[in-house]
PDB file of N, CA and C in Angstrom:
ATOM      1  N   ASP A   1      16.925 -34.796 -35.437  1.00  0.00           N
ATOM      2  CA  ASP A   1      18.352 -34.364 -35.072  1.00  0.00           C
ATOM      3  C   ASP A   1      17.998 -34.422 -33.444  1.00  0.00           C
ATOM      4  N   ASP A   2      18.574 -35.002 -32.362  1.00  0.00           N
ATOM      5  CA  ASP A   2      18.583 -35.056 -31.080  1.00  0.00           C
ATOM      6  C   ASP A   2      18.877 -33.458 -30.604  1.00  0.00           C
ATOM      7  N   ASN A   3      19.840 -32.708 -31.071  1.00  0.00           N
ATOM      8  CA  ASN A   3      19.983 -31.576 -30.750  1.00  0.00           C
ATOM      9  C   ASN A   3      18.731 -30.448 -30.822  1.00  0.00           C
ATOM     10  N   ILE A   4      17.959 -30.555 -32.049  1.00  0.00           N
ATOM     11  CA  ILE A   4      17.166 -29.889 -32.352  1.00  0.00           C
ATOM     12  C   ILE A   4      15.685 -30.024 -31.603  1.00  0.00           C
ATOM     13  N   LYS A   5      15.588 -31.056 -31.248  1.00  0.00           N
ATOM     14  CA  LYS A   5      14.544 -31.925 -30.254  1.00  0.00           C
ATOM     15  C   LYS A   5      14.806 -31.446 -28.862  1.00  0.00           C
ATOM     16  N   ALA A   6      15.982 -31.065 -28.228  1.00  0.00           N
ATOM     17  CA  ALA A   6      16.452 -30.587 -27.092  1.00  0.00           C
ATOM     18  C   ALA A   6      16.089 -29.297 -27.098  1.00  0.00           C
ATOM     19  N   LEU A   7      16.222 -28.455 -28.155  1.00  0.00           N
ATOM     20  CA  LEU A   7      15.917 -27.140 -28.104  1.00  0.00           C
ATOM     21  C   LEU A   7      14.447 -26.707 -28.156  1.00  0.00           C
ATOM     22  N   GLN A   8      13.818 -27.516 -28.980  1.00  0.00           N
ATOM     23  CA  GLN A   8      12.484 -27.546 -28.940  1.00  0.00           C
ATOM     24  C   GLN A   8      11.779 -27.732 -27.523  1.00  0.00           C
ATOM     25  N   ASP A   9      12.173 -28.736 -26.867  1.00  0.00           N
ATOM     26  CA  ASP A   9      11.816 -29.175 -25.826  1.00  0.00           C
ATOM     27  C   ASP A   9      12.042 -28.003 -24.550  1.00  0.00           C
ATOM     28  N   GLN A  10      13.331 -27.287 -24.603  1.00  0.00           N
ATOM     29  CA  GLN A  10      13.468 -26.413 -23.848  1.00  0.00           C
ATOM     30  C   GLN A  10      12.663 -25.331 -23.857  1.00  0.00           C
ATOM     31  N   ALA A  11      12.634 -25.013 -25.294  1.00  0.00           N
ATOM     32  CA  ALA A  11      11.346 -23.574 -25.868  1.00  0.00           C
ATOM     33  C   ALA A  11      10.234 -23.915 -24.884  1.00  0.00           C
ATOM     34  N   GLU A  12       9.586 -25.341 -25.043  1.00  0.00           N
ATOM     35  CA  GLU A  12       8.226 -25.546 -24.334  1.00  0.00           C
ATOM     36  C   GLU A  12       8.364 -25.530 -22.791  1.00  0.00           C
ATOM     37  N   ARG A  13       9.615 -26.010 -22.417  1.00  0.00           N
ATOM     38  CA  ARG A  13       9.813 -25.762 -21.079  1.00  0.00           C
ATOM     39  C   ARG A  13       9.968 -24.382 -20.487  1.00  0.00           C
ATOM     40  N   MET A  14      10.462 -23.601 -21.433  1.00  0.00           N
ATOM     41  CA  MET A  14      10.314 -22.117 -20.694  1.00  0.00           C
ATOM     42  C   MET A  14       9.095 -21.533 -20.763  1.00  0.00           C
ATOM     43  N   ALA A  15       8.262 -22.149 -22.003  1.00  0.00           N
ATOM     44  CA  ALA A  15       6.824 -21.522 -21.905  1.00  0.00           C
ATOM     45  C   ALA A  15       5.718 -21.775 -20.536  1.00  0.00           C
ATOM     46  N   LYS A  16       6.348 -23.031 -20.204  1.00  0.00           N
ATOM     47  CA  LYS A  16       5.713 -23.629 -18.968  1.00  0.00           C
ATOM     48  C   LYS A  16       6.163 -23.022 -17.634  1.00  0.00           C
ATOM     49  N   LEU A  17       7.530 -22.738 -17.756  1.00  0.00           N
ATOM     50  CA  LEU A  17       8.106 -22.256 -16.193  1.00  0.00           C
ATOM     51  C   LEU A  17       8.324 -20.909 -16.088  1.00  0.00           C
ATOM     52  N   ILE A  18       8.372 -19.783 -17.029  1.00  0.00           N
ATOM     53  CA  ILE A  18       9.032 -18.706 -16.747  1.00  0.00           C
ATOM     54  C   ILE A  18       7.389 -18.059 -16.818  1.00  0.00           C
ATOM     55  N   PRO A  19       7.375 -17.210 -15.602  1.00  0.00           N
ATOM     56  CA  PRO A  19       5.985 -16.462 -15.546  1.00  0.00           C
ATOM     57  C   PRO A  19       5.954 -15.279 -16.815  1.00  0.00           C
ATOM     58  N   GLY A  20       4.740 -15.108 -17.445  1.00  0.00           N
ATOM     59  CA  GLY A  20       4.749 -13.803 -18.437  1.00  0.00           C
ATOM     60  C   GLY A  20       4.785 -14.386 -19.627  1.00  0.00           C
ATOM     61  N   ILE A  21       5.237 -15.763 -20.044  1.00  0.00           N
ATOM     62  CA  ILE A  21       5.392 -15.945 -21.334  1.00  0.00           C
ATOM     63  C   ILE A  21       4.057 -16.393 -21.806  1.00  0.00           C
ATOM     64  N   ILE A  22       3.664 -15.990 -22.927  1.00  0.00           N
ATOM     65  CA  ILE A  22       2.221 -16.718 -23.575  1.00  0.00           C
ATOM     66  C   ILE A  22       2.647 -17.829 -24.396  1.00  0.00           C
ATOM     67  N   CYS A  23       3.532 -17.733 -25.185  1.00  0.00           N
ATOM     68  CA  CYS A  23       3.958 -18.842 -25.809  1.00  0.00           C
ATOM     69  C   CYS A  23       5.558 -18.776 -26.257  1.00  0.00           C
ATOM     70  N   ALA A  24       6.037 -20.004 -26.334  1.00  0.00           N
ATOM     71  CA  ALA A  24       7.683 -20.084 -27.001  1.00  0.00           C
ATOM     72  C   ALA A  24       7.516 -21.223 -28.120  1.00  0.00           C
ATOM     73  N   THR A  25       8.318 -20.947 -28.945  1.00  0.00           N
ATOM     74  CA  THR A  25       8.445 -22.074 -30.134  1.00  0.00           C
ATOM     75  C   THR A  25       9.775 -22.155 -30.766  1.00  0.00           C
ATOM     76  N   PHE A  26      10.370 -23.091 -31.060  1.00  0.00           N
ATOM     77  CA  PHE A  26      11.903 -23.344 -31.847  1.00  0.00           C
ATOM     78  C   PHE A  26      11.589 -23.896 -32.723  1.00  0.00           C
ATOM     79  N   SER A  27      11.765 -23.390 -34.064  1.00  0.00           N
ATOM     80  CA  SER A  27      11.840 -24.314 -35.390  1.00  0.00           C
ATOM     81  C   SER A  27      12.639 -23.994 -36.563  1.00  0.00           C
ATOM     82  N   GLU A  28      12.652 -24.536 -37.377  1.00  0.00           N
ATOM     83  CA  GLU A  28      13.679 -24.560 -38.445  1.00  0.00           C
ATOM     84  C   GLU A  28      12.960 -23.283 -39.420  1.00  0.00           C
ATOM     85  N   ASN A  29      13.691 -22.378 -39.959  1.00  0.00           N
ATOM     86  CA  ASN A  29      13.339 -21.558 -40.686  1.00  0.00           C
ATOM     87  C   ASN A  29      13.294 -22.296 -42.278  1.00  0.00           C
ATOM     88  N   LYS A  30      11.898 -22.058 -42.804  1.00  0.00           N
ATOM     89  CA  LYS A  30      11.761 -23.003 -44.098  1.00  0.00           C
ATOM     90  C   LYS A  30      11.960 -22.204 -45.546  1.00  0.00           C
ATOM     91  N   THR A  31      12.223 -22.671 -46.520  1.00  0.00           N
ATOM     92  CA  THR A  31      12.354 -22.220 -47.902  1.00  0.00           C
ATOM     93  C   THR A  31      11.632 -22.584 -48.950  1.00  0.00           C
ATOM     94  N   ASP A  32      10.904 -23.454 -48.401  1.00  0.00           N
ATOM     95  CA  ASP A  32      10.007 -24.308 -49.660  1.00  0.00           C
ATOM     96  C   ASP A  32       8.499 -24.380 -49.162  1.00  0.00           C
ATOM     97  N   PHE A  33       7.897 -23.152 -48.988  1.00  0.00           N
ATOM     98  CA  PHE A  33       6.701 -22.850 -48.784  1.00  0.00           C
ATOM     99  C   PHE A  33       6.007 -23.224 -49.879  1.00  0.00           C
ATOM    100  N   TYR A  34       6.183 -22.450 -51.184  1.00  0.00           N
ATOM    101  CA  TYR A  34       5.743 -22.797 -52.388  1.00  0.00           C
ATOM    102  C   TYR A  34       6.568 -22.615 -53.263  1.00  0.00           C
ATOM    103  N   LYS A  35       6.364 -22.949 -54.568  1.00  0.00           N
ATOM    104  CA  LYS A  35       7.492 -22.992 -55.815  1.00  0.00           C
ATOM    105  C   LYS A  35       8.134 -21.631 -56.060  1.00  0.00           C
ATOM    106  N   ASP A  36       9.274 -21.332 -56.154  1.00  0.00           N
ATOM    107  CA  ASP A  36       9.805 -20.331 -56.528  1.00  0.00           C
ATOM    108  C   ASP A  36      10.198 -19.563 -55.422  1.00  0.00           C
ATOM    109  N   TYR A  37       9.955 -19.950 -54.138  1.00  0.00           N
ATOM    110  CA  TYR A  37       9.887 -19.166 -52.836  1.00  0.00           C
ATOM    111  C   TYR A  37      11.415 -18.461 -52.588  1.00  0.00           C
ATOM    112  N   ASP A  38      11.635 -17.469 -52.530  1.00  0.00           N
ATOM    113  CA  ASP A  38      12.846 -16.775 -52.393  1.00  0.00           C
ATOM    114  C   ASP A  38      13.320 -17.101 -50.939  1.00  0.00           C
ATOM    115  N   ASP A  39      14.703 -17.434 -50.892  1.00  0.00           N
ATOM    116  CA  ASP A  39      15.254 -17.652 -49.509  1.00  0.00           C
ATOM    117  C   ASP A  39      15.505 -16.304 -48.848  1.00  0.00           C
ATOM    118  N   ARG A  40      14.863 -15.912 -47.753  1.00  0.00           N
ATOM    119  CA  ARG A  40      15.080 -14.926 -47.294  1.00  0.00           C
ATOM    120  C   ARG A  40      15.524 -14.787 -45.675  1.00  0.00           C
ATOM    121  N   ARG A  41      16.130 -15.849 -45.423  1.00  0.00           N
ATOM    122  CA  ARG A  41      16.678 -16.273 -44.329  1.00  0.00           C
ATOM    123  C   ARG A  41      17.808 -15.617 -43.804  1.00  0.00           C
ATOM    124  N   LYS A  42      18.855 -15.139 -44.910  1.00  0.00           N
ATOM    125  CA  LYS A  42      19.999 -14.437 -44.533  1.00  0.00           C
ATOM    126  C   LYS A  42      20.847 -15.260 -43.426  1.00  0.00           C
ATOM    127  N   GLY A  43      20.844 -16.258 -43.937  1.00  0.00           N
ATOM    128  CA  GLY A  43      21.809 -17.157 -42.853  1.00  0.00           C
ATOM    129  C   GLY A  43      21.287 -17.799 -41.710  1.00  0.00           C
ATOM    130  N   ASN A  44      20.026 -17.317 -41.054  1.00  0.00           N
ATOM    131  CA  ASN A  44      19.343 -17.490 -40.016  1.00  0.00           C
ATOM    132  C   ASN A  44      18.428 -18.839 -40.308  1.00  0.00           C
ATOM    133  N   ASN A  45      19.002 -19.852 -39.919  1.00  0.00           N
ATOM    134  CA  ASN A  45      18.379 -21.177 -40.092  1.00  0.00           C
ATOM    135  C   ASN A  45      17.066 -21.497 -39.088  1.00  0.00           C
ATOM    136  N   PHE A  46      17.268 -20.992 -37.939  1.00  0.00           N
ATOM    137  CA  PHE A  46      16.411 -21.507 -36.923  1.00  0.00           C
ATOM    138  C   PHE A  46      15.907 -20.230 -36.245  1.00  0.00           C
ATOM    139  N   THR A  47      14.627 -20.151 -35.740  1.00  0.00           N
ATOM    140  CA  THR A  47      14.136 -19.157 -34.832  1.00  0.00           C
ATOM    141  C   THR A  47      13.721 -19.590 -33.596  1.00  0.00           C
ATOM    142  N   LEU A  48      13.796 -18.873 -32.503  1.00  0.00           N
ATOM    143  CA  LEU A  48      13.194 -19.025 -31.105  1.00  0.00           C
ATOM    144  C   LEU A  48      12.148 -17.632 -31.077  1.00  0.00           C
ATOM    145  N   LEU A  49      10.960 -17.903 -31.064  1.00  0.00           N
ATOM    146  CA  LEU A  49      10.009 -16.983 -30.886  1.00  0.00           C
ATOM    147  C   LEU A  49       9.416 -17.090 -29.483  1.00  0.00           C
ATOM    148  N   VAL A  50       9.401 -15.922 -28.857  1.00  0.00           N
ATOM    149  CA  VAL A  50       8.818 -16.091 -27.514  1.00  0.00           C
ATOM    150  C   VAL A  50       7.837 -14.710 -27.452  1.00  0.00           C
ATOM    151  N   ILE A  51       6.463 -14.816 -26.969  1.00  0.00           N
ATOM    152  CA  ILE A  51       5.611 -13.918 -27.100  1.00  0.00           C
ATOM    153  C   ILE A  51       5.244 -13.715 -25.676  1.00  0.00           C
ATOM    154  N   PHE A  52       5.618 -12.474 -25.067  1.00  0.00           N
ATOM    155  CA  PHE A  52       5.446 -11.956 -23.596  1.00  0.00           C
ATOM    156  C   PHE A  52       4.145 -11.503 -23.269  1.00  0.00           C
ATOM    157  N   GLU A  53       3.723 -11.408 -22.179  1.00  0.00           N
ATOM    158  CA  GLU A  53       2.438 -10.447 -21.646  1.00  0.00           C
ATOM    159  C   GLU A  53       2.560  -9.248 -21.540  1.00  0.00           C
ATOM    160  N   ASP A  54       4.111  -8.762 -21.394  1.00  0.00           N
ATOM    161  CA  ASP A  54       4.553  -7.221 -21.197  1.00  0.00           C
ATOM    162  C   ASP A  54       5.976  -7.064 -21.035  1.00  0.00           C
ATOM    163  N   ASP A  55       6.497  -5.859 -21.265  1.00  0.00           N
ATOM    164  CA  ASP A  55       7.990  -5.745 -21.047  1.00  0.00           C
ATOM    165  C   ASP A  55       8.439  -6.526 -19.454  1.00  0.00           C
ATOM    166  N   LYS A  56       7.684  -6.240 -18.803  1.00  0.00           N
ATOM    167  CA  LYS A  56       8.279  -7.163 -17.442  1.00  0.00           C
ATOM    168  C   LYS A  56       8.437  -8.430 -17.428  1.00  0.00           C
ATOM    169  N   ALA A  57       7.661  -8.934 -18.264  1.00  0.00           N
ATOM    170  CA  ALA A  57       7.849 -10.678 -18.275  1.00  0.00           C
ATOM    171  C   ALA A  57       8.820 -10.857 -19.249  1.00  0.00           C
ATOM    172  N   MET A  58       9.184  -9.747 -20.393  1.00  0.00           N
ATOM    173  CA  MET A  58      10.539 -10.054 -21.206  1.00  0.00           C
ATOM    174  C   MET A  58      11.655 -10.132 -20.004  1.00  0.00           C
ATOM    175  N   LYS A  59      11.746  -9.062 -19.159  1.00  0.00           N
ATOM    176  CA  LYS A  59      12.936  -8.680 -18.217  1.00  0.00           C
ATOM    177  C   LYS A  59      13.151 -10.071 -17.244  1.00  0.00           C
ATOM    178  N   VAL A  60      11.867 -10.659 -16.830  1.00  0.00           N
ATOM    179  CA  VAL A  60      11.908 -11.874 -16.265  1.00  0.00           C
ATOM    180  C   VAL A  60      12.767 -13.127 -16.852  1.00  0.00           C
ATOM    181  N   TYR A  61      12.103 -13.202 -18.196  1.00  0.00           N
ATOM    182  CA  TYR A  61      12.726 -14.088 -19.068  1.00  0.00           C
ATOM    183  C   TYR A  61      14.004 -14.091 -19.091  1.00  0.00           C
ATOM    184  N   MET A  62      14.700 -12.797 -19.541  1.00  0.00           N
ATOM    185  CA  MET A  62      16.120 -12.591 -19.773  1.00  0.00           C
ATOM    186  C   MET A  62      16.758 -12.852 -18.798  1.00  0.00           C
ATOM    187  N   ASP A  63      16.146 -13.008 -17.187  1.00  0.00           N
ATOM    188  CA  ASP A  63      17.243 -13.432 -16.138  1.00  0.00           C
ATOM    189  C   ASP A  63      16.790 -14.883 -15.651  1.00  0.00           C
ATOM    190  N   HIS A  64      16.098 -15.358 -16.312  1.00  0.00           N
ATOM    191  CA  HIS A  64      15.636 -16.699 -15.758  1.00  0.00           C
ATOM    192  C   HIS A  64      16.719 -17.948 -16.088  1.00  0.00           C
ATOM    193  N   ALA A  65      16.654 -18.936 -14.893  1.00  0.00           N
ATOM    194  CA  ALA A  65      17.345 -19.922 -15.136  1.00  0.00           C
ATOM    195  C   ALA A  65      17.193 -20.797 -16.578  1.00  0.00           C
ATOM    196  N   GLU A  66      15.865 -20.992 -16.711  1.00  0.00           N
ATOM    197  CA  GLU A  66      15.464 -21.893 -17.953  1.00  0.00           C
ATOM    198  C   GLU A  66      15.775 -20.959 -19.256  1.00  0.00           C
ATOM    199  N   HIS A  67      16.021 -19.748 -19.314  1.00  0.00           N
ATOM    200  CA  HIS A  67      16.508 -18.683 -20.601  1.00  0.00           C
ATOM    201  C   HIS A  67      17.965 -19.299 -20.541  1.00  0.00           C
ATOM    202  N   ASP A  68      18.723 -19.478 -19.417  1.00  0.00           N
ATOM    203  CA  ASP A  68      20.049 -19.642 -19.389  1.00  0.00           C
ATOM    204  C   ASP A  68      20.351 -20.853 -19.908  1.00  0.00           C
ATOM    205  N   ALA A  69      19.399 -21.986 -19.411  1.00  0.00           N
ATOM    206  CA  ALA A  69      19.488 -23.207 -20.047  1.00  0.00           C
ATOM    207  C   ALA A  69      19.428 -23.374 -21.583  1.00  0.00           C
ATOM    208  N   PHE A  70      18.611 -22.770 -22.165  1.00  0.00           N
ATOM    209  CA  PHE A  70      18.312 -22.861 -23.567  1.00  0.00           C
ATOM    210  C   PHE A  70      19.766 -22.223 -24.101  1.00  0.00           C
ATOM    211  N   LYS A  71      20.158 -21.038 -23.719  1.00  0.00           N
ATOM    212  CA  LYS A  71      21.172 -20.439 -24.219  1.00  0.00           C
ATOM    213  C   LYS A  71      22.458 -21.376 -24.115  1.00  0.00           C
ATOM    214  N   LYS A  72      22.642 -22.064 -23.257  1.00  0.00           N
ATOM    215  CA  LYS A  72      23.717 -23.444 -23.005  1.00  0.00           C
ATOM    216  C   LYS A  72      23.418 -24.344 -24.025  1.00  0.00           C
ATOM    217  N   LEU A  73      22.425 -24.665 -24.509  1.00  0.00           N
ATOM    218  CA  LEU A  73      22.116 -25.748 -25.301  1.00  0.00           C
ATOM    219  C   LEU A  73      22.348 -25.200 -26.838  1.00  0.00           C
ATOM    220  N   VAL A  74      22.116 -24.026 -27.044  1.00  0.00           N
ATOM    221  CA  VAL A  74      22.222 -23.333 -28.382  1.00  0.00           C
ATOM    222  C   VAL A  74      23.476 -22.894 -28.769  1.00  0.00           C
ATOM    223  N   LYS A  75      24.034 -22.492 -27.883  1.00  0.00           N
ATOM    224  CA  LYS A  75      25.625 -21.848 -27.932  1.00  0.00           C
ATOM    225  C   LYS A  75      26.538 -22.522 -28.939  1.00  0.00           C
ATOM    226  N   PRO A  76      26.609 -23.755 -28.640  1.00  0.00           N
ATOM    227  CA  PRO A  76      27.298 -24.757 -29.644  1.00  0.00           C
ATOM    228  C   PRO A  76      27.221 -24.716 -31.116  1.00  0.00           C
ATOM    229  N   PHE A  77      25.896 -23.885 -31.448  1.00  0.00           N
ATOM    230  CA  PHE A  77      25.604 -24.208 -33.005  1.00  0.00           C
ATOM    231  C   PHE A  77      25.457 -22.635 -33.545  1.00  0.00           C
ATOM    232  N   LEU A  78      25.459 -21.518 -32.521  1.00  0.00           N
ATOM    233  CA  LEU A  78      25.442 -20.226 -33.036  1.00  0.00           C
ATOM    234  C   LEU A  78      26.870 -20.142 -33.947  1.00  0.00           C
ATOM    235  N   GLN A  79      26.636 -19.442 -35.069  1.00  0.00           N
ATOM    236  CA  GLN A  79      27.573 -18.617 -35.804  1.00  0.00           C
ATOM    237  C   GLN A  79      27.128 -17.176 -35.994  1.00  0.00           C
ATOM    238  N   GLY A  80      25.821 -16.828 -35.863  1.00  0.00           N
ATOM    239  CA  GLY A  80      25.679 -15.457 -35.579  1.00  0.00           C
ATOM    240  C   GLY A  80      24.107 -15.400 -34.945  1.00  0.00           C
ATOM    241  N   ILE A  81      23.453 -14.385 -34.650  1.00  0.00           N
ATOM    242  CA  ILE A  81      22.234 -14.194 -33.933  1.00  0.00           C
ATOM    243  C   ILE A  81      21.570 -12.877 -34.233  1.00  0.00           C
ATOM    244  N   THR A  82      20.448 -12.781 -34.451  1.00  0.00           N
ATOM    245  CA  THR A  82      19.687 -11.490 -34.932  1.00  0.00           C
ATOM    246  C   THR A  82      18.490 -11.717 -33.666  1.00  0.00           C
ATOM    247  N   VAL A  83      18.416 -10.645 -33.193  1.00  0.00           N
ATOM    248  CA  VAL A  83      17.228 -10.468 -31.983  1.00  0.00           C
ATOM    249  C   VAL A  83      16.479  -9.275 -32.516  1.00  0.00           C
ATOM    250  N   VAL A  84      15.028  -9.351 -32.502  1.00  0.00           N
ATOM    251  CA  VAL A  84      14.205  -8.484 -32.612  1.00  0.00           C
ATOM    252  C   VAL A  84      13.096  -8.453 -31.467  1.00  0.00           C
ATOM    253  N   ASP A  85      13.381  -7.471 -30.837  1.00  0.00           N
ATOM    254  CA  ASP A  85      12.390  -6.983 -29.832  1.00  0.00           C
ATOM    255  C   ASP A  85      11.190  -5.990 -30.032  1.00  0.00           C
ATOM    256  N   PHE A  86       9.915  -6.406 -29.890  1.00  0.00           N
ATOM    257  CA  PHE A  86       9.166  -5.146 -30.415  1.00  0.00           C
ATOM    258  C   PHE A  86       7.879  -5.371 -29.519  1.00  0.00           C
ATOM    259  N   TRP A  87       7.185  -4.485 -29.159  1.00  0.00           N
ATOM    260  CA  TRP A  87       5.903  -4.312 -28.487  1.00  0.00           C
ATOM    261  C   TRP A  87       4.531  -4.038 -29.557  1.00  0.00           C
ATOM    262  N   GLN A  88       3.548  -4.911 -29.375  1.00  0.00           N
ATOM    263  CA  GLN A  88       2.427  -4.319 -30.170  1.00  0.00           C
ATOM    264  C   GLN A  88       1.330  -4.709 -29.267  1.00  0.00           C
ATOM    265  N   ASP A  89       0.400  -3.761 -29.102  1.00  0.00           N
ATOM    266  CA  ASP A  89      -0.708  -3.429 -27.997  1.00  0.00           C
ATOM    267  C   ASP A  89      -1.964  -4.282 -28.612  1.00  0.00           C
ATOM    268  N   ASN A  90      -1.949  -4.744 -29.780  1.00  0.00           N
ATOM    269  CA  ASN A  90      -3.174  -5.440 -30.339  1.00  0.00           C
ATOM    270  C   ASN A  90      -2.878  -6.515 -30.957  1.00  0.00           C
ATOM    271  N   PHE A  91      -2.106  -7.445 -30.351  1.00  0.00           N
ATOM    272  CA  PHE A  91      -1.572  -8.736 -30.882  1.00  0.00           C
ATOM    273  C   PHE A  91      -2.763  -9.779 -31.003  1.00  0.00           C
ATOM    274  N   PRO A  92      -2.942 -10.048 -32.212  1.00  0.00           N
ATOM    275  CA  PRO A  92      -4.123 -10.898 -32.396  1.00  0.00           C
ATOM    276  C   PRO A  92      -3.789 -12.760 -32.323  1.00  0.00           C
ATOM    277  N   GLU A  93      -4.800 -13.383 -31.948  1.00  0.00           N
ATOM    278  CA  GLU A  93      -4.536 -14.852 -32.144  1.00  0.00           C
ATOM    279  C   GLU A  93      -4.168 -14.869 -33.369  1.00  0.00           C
ATOM    280  N   PHE A  94      -2.957 -15.778 -33.521  1.00  0.00           N
ATOM    281  CA  PHE A  94      -2.669 -16.132 -34.938  1.00  0.00           C
ATOM    282  C   PHE A  94      -2.145 -17.614 -35.000  1.00  0.00           C
ATOM    283  N   ALA A  95      -1.985 -17.661 -36.287  1.00  0.00           N
ATOM    284  CA  ALA A  95      -1.209 -19.261 -36.837  1.00  0.00           C
ATOM    285  C   ALA A  95       0.215 -18.979 -36.601  1.00  0.00           C
ATOM    286  N   MET A  96       1.104 -19.844 -36.377  1.00  0.00           N
ATOM    287  CA  MET A  96       2.708 -19.736 -36.372  1.00  0.00           C
ATOM    288  C   MET A  96       3.132 -20.189 -37.611  1.00  0.00           C
ATOM    289  N   PHE A  97       2.079 -20.424 -38.530  1.00  0.00           N
ATOM    290  CA  PHE A  97       2.731 -20.875 -39.891  1.00  0.00           C
ATOM    291  C   PHE A  97       2.064 -20.239 -40.897  1.00  0.00           C
ATOM    292  N   GLY A  98       2.735 -19.734 -41.701  1.00  0.00           N
ATOM    293  CA  GLY A  98       2.268 -19.218 -43.204  1.00  0.00           C
ATOM    294  C   GLY A  98       1.713 -17.618 -42.692  1.00  0.00           C
ATOM    295  N   HIS A  99       1.237 -16.965 -43.923  1.00  0.00           N
ATOM    296  CA  HIS A  99       1.218 -15.617 -43.959  1.00  0.00           C
ATOM    297  C   HIS A  99       0.020 -15.022 -43.432  1.00  0.00           C
ATOM    298  N   THR A 100      -1.263 -15.974 -43.436  1.00  0.00           N
ATOM    299  CA  THR A 100      -2.471 -15.755 -43.330  1.00  0.00           C
ATOM    300  C   THR A 100      -3.009 -15.808 -41.835  1.00  0.00           C
ATOM    301  N   MET A 101      -3.592 -14.748 -41.450  1.00  0.00           N
ATOM    302  CA  MET A 101      -4.166 -14.639 -40.347  1.00  0.00           C
ATOM    303  C   MET A 101      -5.517 -14.397 -40.191  1.00  0.00           C
ATOM    304  N   MET A 102      -6.256 -15.415 -39.632  1.00  0.00           N
ATOM    305  CA  MET A 102      -7.700 -15.486 -39.453  1.00  0.00           C
ATOM    306  C   MET A 102      -7.955 -15.606 -37.979  1.00  0.00           C
ATOM    307  N   SER A 103      -8.398 -14.134 -37.611  1.00  0.00           N
ATOM    308  CA  SER A 103      -8.605 -14.533 -36.099  1.00  0.00           C
ATOM    309  C   SER A 103      -9.272 -13.152 -35.509  1.00  0.00           C
ATOM    310  N   LYS A 104      -9.877 -13.122 -34.394  1.00  0.00           N
ATOM    311  CA  LYS A 104     -10.513 -11.873 -33.852  1.00  0.00           C
ATOM    312  C   LYS A 104      -9.301 -10.840 -33.264  1.00  0.00           C
ATOM    313  N   GLY A 105      -9.401  -9.859 -33.392  1.00  0.00           N
ATOM    314  CA  GLY A 105      -8.496  -8.722 -32.902  1.00  0.00           C
ATOM    315  C   GLY A 105      -8.550  -8.552 -31.635  1.00  0.00           C
ATOM    316  N   GLY A 106      -7.318  -8.083 -30.942  1.00  0.00           N
ATOM    317  CA  GLY A 106      -7.547  -7.739 -29.402  1.00  0.00           C
ATOM    318  C   GLY A 106      -6.222  -8.646 -29.038  1.00  0.00           C
ATOM    319  N   LEU A 107      -6.221  -8.394 -27.520  1.00  0.00           N
ATOM    320  CA  LEU A 107      -4.965  -8.759 -26.775  1.00  0.00           C
ATOM    321  C   LEU A 107      -5.167 -10.312 -26.818  1.00  0.00           C
ATOM    322  N   ALA A 108      -3.911 -11.259 -26.824  1.00  0.00           N
ATOM    323  CA  ALA A 108      -3.996 -12.563 -26.678  1.00  0.00           C
ATOM    324  C   ALA A 108      -4.561 -13.047 -25.271  1.00  0.00           C
ATOM    325  N   ASP A 109      -5.364 -14.071 -25.101  1.00  0.00           N
ATOM    326  CA  ASP A 109      -5.743 -14.419 -24.036  1.00  0.00           C
ATOM    327  C   ASP A 109      -6.353 -15.788 -24.034  1.00  0.00           C
ATOM    328  N   PRO A 110      -6.491 -16.671 -22.850  1.00  0.00           N
ATOM    329  CA  PRO A 110      -6.891 -17.955 -22.731  1.00  0.00           C
ATOM    330  C   PRO A 110      -8.361 -18.288 -23.070  1.00  0.00           C
ATOM    331  N   LYS A 111      -8.744 -17.280 -23.253  1.00  0.00           N
ATOM    332  CA  LYS A 111     -10.244 -17.570 -23.405  1.00  0.00           C
ATOM    333  C   LYS A 111     -10.700 -18.408 -24.841  1.00  0.00           C
ATOM    334  N   PRO A 112     -11.616 -18.733 -25.164  1.00  0.00           N
ATOM    335  CA  PRO A 112     -11.833 -19.439 -26.469  1.00  0.00           C
ATOM    336  C   PRO A 112     -11.783 -18.448 -27.528  1.00  0.00           C
ATOM    337  N   GLY A 113     -11.073 -18.674 -28.587  1.00  0.00           N
ATOM    338  CA  GLY A 113     -10.683 -17.733 -29.694  1.00  0.00           C
ATOM    339  C   GLY A 113      -9.253 -16.885 -29.225  1.00  0.00           C
ATOM    340  N   GLY A 114      -8.724 -17.227 -28.165  1.00  0.00           N
ATOM    341  CA  GLY A 114      -7.538 -16.040 -27.951  1.00  0.00           C
ATOM    342  C   GLY A 114      -6.383 -17.294 -28.245  1.00  0.00           C
ATOM    343  N   PHE A 115      -5.301 -16.643 -28.052  1.00  0.00           N
ATOM    344  CA  PHE A 115      -4.106 -17.603 -28.482  1.00  0.00           C
ATOM    345  C   PHE A 115      -3.470 -17.761 -27.149  1.00  0.00           C
ATOM    346  N   ASN A 116      -3.202 -18.938 -26.631  1.00  0.00           N
ATOM    347  CA  ASN A 116      -2.440 -18.974 -25.177  1.00  0.00           C
ATOM    348  C   ASN A 116      -2.178 -20.427 -25.386  1.00  0.00           C
ATOM    349  N   THR A 117      -1.029 -20.965 -25.087  1.00  0.00           N
ATOM    350  CA  THR A 117      -0.557 -22.416 -25.116  1.00  0.00           C
ATOM    351  C   THR A 117      -0.403 -22.858 -23.751  1.00  0.00           C
ATOM    352  N   LYS A 118      -0.532 -22.139 -22.684  1.00  0.00           N
ATOM    353  CA  LYS A 118      -0.576 -22.876 -21.317  1.00  0.00           C
ATOM    354  C   LYS A 118      -1.586 -23.371 -20.899  1.00  0.00           C
TER     355      LYS A 118
END
């Protein structure tokens, strides 16, 4: 769908243009990971996940024109929204898919073995 692609492209644009974003992704919430998978979406069909360097970066994001552009694109499709903000001081390198994480511990960084999409 062109609308989903536009939202995915805007998430990638935010990751590249907004200072302090480690990564951003927009994708459909899946229910078919394995046989008899319980649908735990509670009406949330898509997720925008943004990972920041720190709380100051999240403030920059909240006030940034590229975030406003994302909100403008998504607004016609919103029936409800759930927002979860949290801080974790030992966020590991990770995979955006699945439950299994196999990585070194520590803060995310652009060094080999660290997680950084820029």
